Amino acid sequence: MKRKQLKFLVGSIVIVLALGYLGYSGFKESMSYYQTVPELYASKDKAYQRHLKVAGDVVAGSIVRDGKVLKFVIADNKTNKSLPVQYIGTDPVPDTFRDYATAVVDGTYGHDGVFTATAMQAKCASKYEKESSAGVNSKTGGN
């Protein structure tokens, strides 16, 4: 192999390795760990050190708009553990977000016990089952 070809090969390898490292580090940094409310509390101090996604059912009557901040509580119905959430994201609140819906919040857990969400999703696949078992009529919004 000639000297010029060797330089090209070494340079190409260095570029490919650098791009691979940048891609991996970007992926790792943007990755969020998905947890339930009891798992968040079980992780204790580790919860304060990372970006998280937490899922739970919206507690009925807990949704309050305070200026640009939306405050609500999500809970795990199996363990009755709840988590206060404040949503400060710029995206509009999903249409499916309401009492008894399953919400997935993306953000950080503060030492004050409040989860600050910058992104939010509301799942609706099983909300009708939850509402009917809770005695809520989805057409009227009440009993």
Protein backbone atom coordinates (compact mmCIF):
# COMPACT_ATOMS: atom_id res chain seq x y z
CA MET A 1 0.00 0.00 0.00
CA LYS A 2 1.35 3.39 -0.94
CA ARG A 3 1.88 6.14 1.59
CA LYS A 4 -0.91 8.29 0.10
CA GLN A 5 -3.41 5.41 0.31
CA LEU A 6 -2.41 4.71 3.91
CA LYS A 7 -3.02 8.36 4.90
CA PHE A 8 -6.44 8.25 3.23
CA LEU A 9 -7.33 5.00 5.01
CA VAL A 10 -6.22 6.28 8.43
CA GLY A 11 -8.04 9.60 7.89
CA SER A 12 -11.21 7.79 6.85
CA ILE A 13 -11.09 5.55 9.91
CA VAL A 14 -10.61 8.55 12.21
CA ILE A 15 -13.58 10.35 10.64
CA VAL A 16 -15.84 7.29 10.89
CA LEU A 17 -14.88 6.73 14.54
CA ALA A 18 -15.45 10.41 15.39
CA LEU A 19 -18.89 10.38 13.74
CA GLY A 20 -19.78 7.14 15.52
CA TYR A 21 -18.75 8.59 18.88
CA LEU A 22 -20.73 11.80 18.31
CA GLY A 23 -23.80 9.81 17.26
CA TYR A 24 -23.58 7.52 20.28
CA SER A 25 -23.04 10.36 22.77
CA GLY A 26 -25.94 12.35 21.29
CA PHE A 27 -28.21 9.31 21.50
CA LYS A 28 -27.17 8.57 25.07
CA GLU A 29 -27.71 12.19 26.14
CA SER A 30 -31.20 12.43 24.66
CA MET A 31 -32.30 9.07 26.05
CA SER A 32 -34.85 9.15 28.85
CA TYR A 33 -35.56 6.36 31.28
CA TYR A 34 -39.26 5.46 31.41
CA GLN A 35 -40.65 4.81 34.89
CA THR A 36 -43.90 4.45 36.77
CA VAL A 37 -44.59 6.57 39.84
CA PRO A 38 -43.56 3.82 42.34
CA GLU A 39 -40.35 3.20 40.37
CA LEU A 40 -39.53 6.91 40.55
CA TYR A 41 -39.88 6.90 44.33
CA ALA A 42 -37.89 3.64 44.61
CA SER A 43 -34.93 5.18 42.75
CA LYS A 44 -34.56 7.78 45.57
CA ASP A 45 -31.61 10.17 45.00
CA LYS A 46 -30.87 8.83 41.51
CA ALA A 47 -34.15 10.39 40.34
CA TYR A 48 -32.74 13.90 40.88
CA GLN A 49 -29.73 13.28 38.65
CA ARG A 50 -31.31 12.41 35.31
CA HIS A 51 -33.91 13.30 32.73
CA LEU A 52 -36.95 11.07 33.17
CA LYS A 53 -40.21 9.97 31.63
CA VAL A 54 -42.87 9.01 34.16
CA ALA A 55 -46.29 7.54 33.48
CA GLY A 56 -49.37 7.58 35.65
CA ASP A 57 -53.11 8.12 35.65
CA VAL A 58 -54.32 11.70 36.07
CA VAL A 59 -56.08 12.04 39.42
CA ALA A 60 -59.64 13.33 39.01
CA GLY A 61 -60.04 16.97 39.98
CA SER A 62 -56.31 17.65 40.20
CA ILE A 63 -55.91 19.60 36.93
CA VAL A 64 -55.35 23.31 37.65
CA ARG A 65 -54.06 25.97 35.27
CA ASP A 66 -51.88 28.57 37.01
CA GLY A 67 -50.98 31.14 34.32
CA LYS A 68 -48.83 29.33 31.77
CA VAL A 69 -48.19 26.43 34.16
CA LEU A 70 -50.50 23.42 34.20
CA LYS A 71 -50.50 21.60 37.54
CA PHE A 72 -51.91 18.14 38.08
CA VAL A 73 -51.26 14.88 39.92
CA ILE A 74 -50.54 11.49 38.40
CA ALA A 75 -50.88 8.28 40.38
CA ASP A 76 -50.36 4.56 40.20
CA ASN A 77 -53.70 2.96 40.97
CA LYS A 78 -52.15 -0.33 42.12
CA THR A 79 -50.03 1.24 44.85
CA ASN A 80 -51.94 4.52 45.38
CA LYS A 81 -48.66 6.46 45.11
CA SER A 82 -49.07 9.89 43.54
CA LEU A 83 -46.76 12.48 42.02
CA PRO A 84 -47.48 16.21 41.69
CA VAL A 85 -46.57 17.51 38.23
CA GLN A 86 -46.18 20.97 36.79
CA TYR A 87 -46.13 21.20 33.01
CA ILE A 88 -44.17 24.18 31.68
CA GLY A 89 -43.77 23.00 28.10
CA THR A 90 -44.42 25.13 25.03
CA ASP A 91 -46.48 22.51 23.20
CA PRO A 92 -50.25 22.64 23.63
CA VAL A 93 -51.87 20.24 26.06
CA PRO A 94 -53.07 17.09 24.23
CA ASP A 95 -56.81 16.87 23.52
CA THR A 96 -56.93 13.51 25.28
CA PHE A 97 -55.53 14.97 28.52
CA ARG A 98 -58.24 14.91 31.19
CA ASP A 99 -59.19 13.16 34.42
CA TYR A 100 -58.42 9.42 34.48
CA ALA A 101 -56.26 9.59 31.31
CA THR A 102 -52.82 8.00 31.37
CA ALA A 103 -50.24 10.78 31.09
CA VAL A 104 -46.57 10.36 30.24
CA VAL A 105 -44.55 13.35 31.41
CA ASP A 106 -41.00 14.09 30.33
CA GLY A 107 -38.76 16.24 32.52
CA THR A 108 -36.96 16.35 35.85
CA TYR A 109 -37.82 15.49 39.44
CA GLY A 110 -37.10 18.27 41.93
CA HIS A 111 -36.00 18.08 45.55
CA ASP A 112 -39.31 19.77 46.43
CA GLY A 113 -41.14 16.59 45.36
CA VAL A 114 -42.65 18.14 42.23
CA PHE A 115 -41.97 16.74 38.76
CA THR A 116 -41.36 19.56 36.26
CA ALA A 117 -42.42 18.41 32.81
CA THR A 118 -41.31 20.04 29.57
CA ALA A 119 -43.17 17.56 27.37
CA MET A 120 -46.32 15.56 27.89
CA GLN A 121 -48.35 12.88 26.17
CA ALA A 122 -51.79 11.59 27.05
CA LYS A 123 -52.65 8.03 26.18
CA CYS A 124 -56.27 7.30 25.43
CA ALA A 125 -56.35 3.59 24.62
CA SER A 126 -57.75 2.46 27.96
CA LYS A 127 -59.19 5.71 29.31
CA TYR A 128 -62.75 4.71 28.43
CA GLU A 129 -62.41 1.51 30.45
CA LYS A 130 -61.07 3.48 33.43
CA GLU A 131 -63.86 6.03 33.18
CA SER A 132 -66.59 3.43 32.98
CA SER A 133 -65.17 1.56 35.97
CA ALA A 134 -65.04 4.87 37.84
CA GLY A 135 -68.68 5.58 36.94
CA VAL A 136 -67.96 8.44 34.51
CA ASN A 137 -70.01 8.77 31.31
CA SER A 138 -67.56 9.89 28.57
CA LYS A 139 -70.30 11.63 26.52
CA THR A 140 -71.52 13.87 29.31
CA GLY A 141 -68.33 14.04 31.37
CA GLY A 142 -70.22 13.03 34.50
CA ASN A 143 -72.42 10.29 35.91
